[in-house]
Amino acid sequence: MLNDGKNPPKPRDKAAEARNEEREKRYRAFQDGLRAIWSEMKRVTWPSREEWVSATLVTIGLVLVVAVWTTAIGQLAIWIFKTGQ
């Protein structure tokens, strides 16, 4: 008998049926997770463009400060612990 696409073929044994049920559970869990993410994304208060730009500039500034500080401490350590040169 040909499968007309309306009724899926019947599993041949209980193991195949269990695998299909597990696959369906994972698919439903995945769908539920996506729905939860979408619902949560609707509730988020997104920053305005000005807030976003301001936060980005603060982040870049702090990264530069940490880079300069780390370089200065490294150079100081090299100068203090310089051996025989």
N, C-alpha and C. Protein backbone atom coordinates (compact mmCIF):
# COMPACT_ATOMS: atom_id res chain seq x y z
N MET A 1 0.84 -1.17 0.00
CA MET A 1 0.00 0.00 0.00
C MET A 1 0.89 1.24 0.00
N LEU A 2 0.58 2.20 -0.83
CA LEU A 2 1.35 3.42 -0.92
C LEU A 2 0.92 4.39 0.16
N ASN A 3 1.89 5.18 0.63
CA ASN A 3 1.58 6.21 1.62
C ASN A 3 1.12 7.45 0.88
N ASP A 4 -0.11 7.87 1.12
CA ASP A 4 -0.66 9.02 0.42
C ASP A 4 -0.31 10.34 1.09
N GLY A 5 0.50 10.32 2.15
CA GLY A 5 0.91 11.54 2.83
C GLY A 5 -0.03 11.97 3.93
N LYS A 6 -1.22 11.40 3.99
CA LYS A 6 -2.19 11.79 5.01
C LYS A 6 -1.95 11.04 6.31
N ASN A 7 -1.62 9.78 6.20
CA ASN A 7 -1.38 8.95 7.39
C ASN A 7 0.07 8.50 7.39
N PRO A 8 0.81 8.82 8.44
CA PRO A 8 2.21 8.37 8.48
C PRO A 8 2.26 6.85 8.59
N PRO A 9 3.33 6.26 8.10
CA PRO A 9 3.44 4.80 8.19
C PRO A 9 3.51 4.36 9.64
N LYS A 10 2.97 3.20 9.94
CA LYS A 10 2.95 2.66 11.30
C LYS A 10 4.32 2.10 11.65
N PRO A 11 4.81 2.36 12.86
CA PRO A 11 6.08 1.75 13.27
C PRO A 11 5.94 0.23 13.32
N ARG A 12 7.03 -0.43 13.02
CA ARG A 12 6.98 -1.89 12.95
C ARG A 12 7.12 -2.55 14.31
N ASP A 13 7.75 -1.85 15.25
CA ASP A 13 7.91 -2.47 16.56
C ASP A 13 7.84 -1.42 17.65
N LYS A 14 7.87 -1.88 18.88
CA LYS A 14 7.76 -0.97 20.02
C LYS A 14 8.97 -0.05 20.14
N ALA A 15 10.14 -0.51 19.76
CA ALA A 15 11.34 0.32 19.84
C ALA A 15 11.22 1.50 18.87
N ALA A 16 10.74 1.23 17.67
CA ALA A 16 10.56 2.30 16.69
C ALA A 16 9.49 3.27 17.18
N GLU A 17 8.44 2.74 17.76
CA GLU A 17 7.37 3.59 18.30
C GLU A 17 7.90 4.47 19.43
N ALA A 18 8.73 3.90 20.29
CA ALA A 18 9.31 4.66 21.40
C ALA A 18 10.23 5.76 20.86
N ARG A 19 11.01 5.45 19.83
CA ARG A 19 11.89 6.46 19.23
C ARG A 19 11.07 7.60 18.63
N ASN A 20 9.99 7.25 17.95
CA ASN A 20 9.13 8.28 17.37
C ASN A 20 8.51 9.15 18.45
N GLU A 21 8.05 8.54 19.54
CA GLU A 21 7.47 9.32 20.65
C GLU A 21 8.51 10.24 21.27
N GLU A 22 9.73 9.75 21.44
CA GLU A 22 10.81 10.56 22.01
C GLU A 22 11.14 11.73 21.08
N ARG A 23 11.18 11.47 19.77
CA ARG A 23 11.45 12.50 18.80
C ARG A 23 10.35 13.58 18.84
N GLU A 24 9.11 13.15 18.95
CA GLU A 24 8.00 14.10 19.04
C GLU A 24 8.08 14.93 20.33
N LYS A 25 8.46 14.30 21.45
CA LYS A 25 8.62 15.03 22.72
C LYS A 25 9.70 16.09 22.60
N ARG A 26 10.83 15.73 21.99
CA ARG A 26 11.91 16.69 21.83
C ARG A 26 11.49 17.84 20.92
N TYR A 27 10.76 17.52 19.85
CA TYR A 27 10.29 18.54 18.93
C TYR A 27 9.33 19.49 19.64
N ARG A 28 8.39 18.93 20.43
CA ARG A 28 7.45 19.78 21.18
C ARG A 28 8.19 20.62 22.20
N ALA A 29 9.18 20.06 22.87
CA ALA A 29 9.96 20.82 23.85
C ALA A 29 10.71 21.95 23.16
N PHE A 30 11.25 21.68 21.98
CA PHE A 30 11.94 22.71 21.21
C PHE A 30 10.98 23.83 20.83
N GLN A 31 9.79 23.46 20.34
CA GLN A 31 8.77 24.45 19.99
C GLN A 31 8.38 25.28 21.21
N ASP A 32 8.17 24.61 22.34
CA ASP A 32 7.81 25.34 23.57
C ASP A 32 8.91 26.31 23.97
N GLY A 33 10.16 25.88 23.82
CA GLY A 33 11.28 26.76 24.15
C GLY A 33 11.30 27.98 23.25
N LEU A 34 11.08 27.79 21.96
CA LEU A 34 11.05 28.93 21.04
C LEU A 34 9.90 29.88 21.37
N ARG A 35 8.74 29.31 21.72
CA ARG A 35 7.61 30.17 22.10
C ARG A 35 7.94 30.97 23.36
N ALA A 36 8.59 30.34 24.32
CA ALA A 36 8.96 31.04 25.55
C ALA A 36 9.95 32.16 25.26
N ILE A 37 10.92 31.88 24.39
CA ILE A 37 11.90 32.91 24.02
C ILE A 37 11.19 34.08 23.34
N TRP A 38 10.30 33.78 22.39
CA TRP A 38 9.59 34.83 21.67
C TRP A 38 8.75 35.67 22.64
N SER A 39 8.09 35.00 23.56
CA SER A 39 7.26 35.71 24.55
C SER A 39 8.12 36.62 25.42
N GLU A 40 9.27 36.12 25.84
CA GLU A 40 10.17 36.92 26.69
C GLU A 40 10.75 38.10 25.92
N MET A 41 11.06 37.89 24.64
CA MET A 41 11.61 38.98 23.83
C MET A 41 10.61 40.12 23.67
N LYS A 42 9.32 39.80 23.66
CA LYS A 42 8.30 40.84 23.57
C LYS A 42 8.26 41.70 24.83
N ARG A 43 8.64 41.11 25.97
CA ARG A 43 8.58 41.83 27.25
C ARG A 43 9.80 42.68 27.53
N VAL A 44 10.86 42.49 26.78
CA VAL A 44 12.10 43.21 27.01
C VAL A 44 11.92 44.69 26.70
N THR A 45 12.46 45.53 27.57
CA THR A 45 12.49 46.96 27.30
C THR A 45 13.82 47.25 26.61
N TRP A 46 13.77 47.47 25.33
CA TRP A 46 14.98 47.68 24.55
C TRP A 46 15.47 49.11 24.73
N PRO A 47 16.79 49.32 24.78
CA PRO A 47 17.32 50.68 24.94
C PRO A 47 17.11 51.50 23.68
N SER A 48 17.05 52.81 23.89
CA SER A 48 16.95 53.71 22.73
C SER A 48 18.31 53.75 22.04
N ARG A 49 18.34 54.35 20.88
CA ARG A 49 19.60 54.44 20.15
C ARG A 49 20.64 55.22 20.94
N GLU A 50 20.20 56.31 21.59
CA GLU A 50 21.13 57.12 22.38
C GLU A 50 21.71 56.32 23.55
N GLU A 51 20.86 55.54 24.23
CA GLU A 51 21.35 54.71 25.34
C GLU A 51 22.32 53.65 24.84
N TRP A 52 22.00 53.08 23.68
CA TRP A 52 22.84 52.04 23.12
C TRP A 52 24.21 52.60 22.75
N VAL A 53 24.24 53.75 22.09
CA VAL A 53 25.51 54.37 21.70
C VAL A 53 26.31 54.75 22.95
N SER A 54 25.65 55.31 23.94
CA SER A 54 26.32 55.70 25.18
C SER A 54 26.95 54.49 25.87
N ALA A 55 26.19 53.41 25.99
CA ALA A 55 26.71 52.20 26.63
C ALA A 55 27.87 51.61 25.83
N THR A 56 27.80 51.68 24.52
CA THR A 56 28.89 51.17 23.68
C THR A 56 30.16 51.99 23.89
N LEU A 57 30.02 53.31 23.94
CA LEU A 57 31.20 54.17 24.15
C LEU A 57 31.81 53.93 25.54
N VAL A 58 30.97 53.75 26.55
CA VAL A 58 31.49 53.44 27.89
C VAL A 58 32.26 52.13 27.86
N THR A 59 31.72 51.13 27.19
CA THR A 59 32.39 49.83 27.11
C THR A 59 33.74 49.95 26.41
N ILE A 60 33.77 50.65 25.28
CA ILE A 60 35.03 50.82 24.56
C ILE A 60 36.03 51.59 25.42
N GLY A 61 35.57 52.62 26.11
CA GLY A 61 36.45 53.38 27.00
C GLY A 61 37.04 52.52 28.10
N LEU A 62 36.20 51.70 28.73
CA LEU A 62 36.70 50.82 29.80
C LEU A 62 37.68 49.79 29.28
N VAL A 63 37.43 49.27 28.09
CA VAL A 63 38.37 48.31 27.50
C VAL A 63 39.72 48.98 27.26
N LEU A 64 39.71 50.21 26.78
CA LEU A 64 40.97 50.92 26.56
C LEU A 64 41.69 51.19 27.87
N VAL A 65 40.97 51.59 28.91
CA VAL A 65 41.58 51.84 30.23
C VAL A 65 42.22 50.56 30.76
N VAL A 66 41.52 49.44 30.65
CA VAL A 66 42.07 48.17 31.14
C VAL A 66 43.28 47.77 30.30
N ALA A 67 43.25 48.01 29.00
CA ALA A 67 44.40 47.67 28.15
C ALA A 67 45.62 48.50 28.53
N VAL A 68 45.44 49.80 28.75
CA VAL A 68 46.56 50.67 29.14
C VAL A 68 47.08 50.25 30.51
N TRP A 69 46.18 49.98 31.45
CA TRP A 69 46.58 49.56 32.81
C TRP A 69 47.38 48.26 32.76
N THR A 70 46.89 47.28 32.00
CA THR A 70 47.57 45.99 31.90
C THR A 70 48.95 46.15 31.27
N THR A 71 49.03 46.96 30.22
CA THR A 71 50.33 47.21 29.58
C THR A 71 51.28 47.90 30.55
N ALA A 72 50.81 48.88 31.30
CA ALA A 72 51.66 49.61 32.26
C ALA A 72 52.17 48.67 33.35
N ILE A 73 51.29 47.84 33.90
CA ILE A 73 51.71 46.89 34.94
C ILE A 73 52.72 45.90 34.37
N GLY A 74 52.49 45.44 33.16
CA GLY A 74 53.44 44.51 32.52
C GLY A 74 54.80 45.14 32.32
N GLN A 75 54.83 46.37 31.84
CA GLN A 75 56.10 47.07 31.62
C GLN A 75 56.81 47.33 32.95
N LEU A 76 56.04 47.68 33.98
CA LEU A 76 56.61 47.89 35.31
C LEU A 76 57.23 46.60 35.84
N ALA A 77 56.54 45.49 35.65
CA ALA A 77 57.07 44.19 36.09
C ALA A 77 58.34 43.84 35.33
N ILE A 78 58.38 44.12 34.04
CA ILE A 78 59.59 43.86 33.25
C ILE A 78 60.74 44.72 33.77
N TRP A 79 60.47 45.98 34.04
CA TRP A 79 61.52 46.88 34.53
C TRP A 79 62.03 46.44 35.90
N ILE A 80 61.12 46.03 36.79
CA ILE A 80 61.52 45.63 38.15
C ILE A 80 62.31 44.33 38.10
N PHE A 81 61.84 43.37 37.32
CA PHE A 81 62.45 42.03 37.34
C PHE A 81 63.46 41.80 36.23
N LYS A 82 63.90 42.86 35.58
CA LYS A 82 64.88 42.73 34.51
C LYS A 82 66.15 42.11 35.11
N THR A 83 66.67 41.10 34.43
CA THR A 83 67.84 40.40 34.96
C THR A 83 69.01 40.51 34.00
N GLY A 84 70.11 41.04 34.48
CA GLY A 84 71.37 41.02 33.77
C GLY A 84 71.42 41.75 32.44
N GLN A 85 70.56 42.67 32.18
CA GLN A 85 70.62 43.36 30.90
C GLN A 85 70.95 44.80 31.06
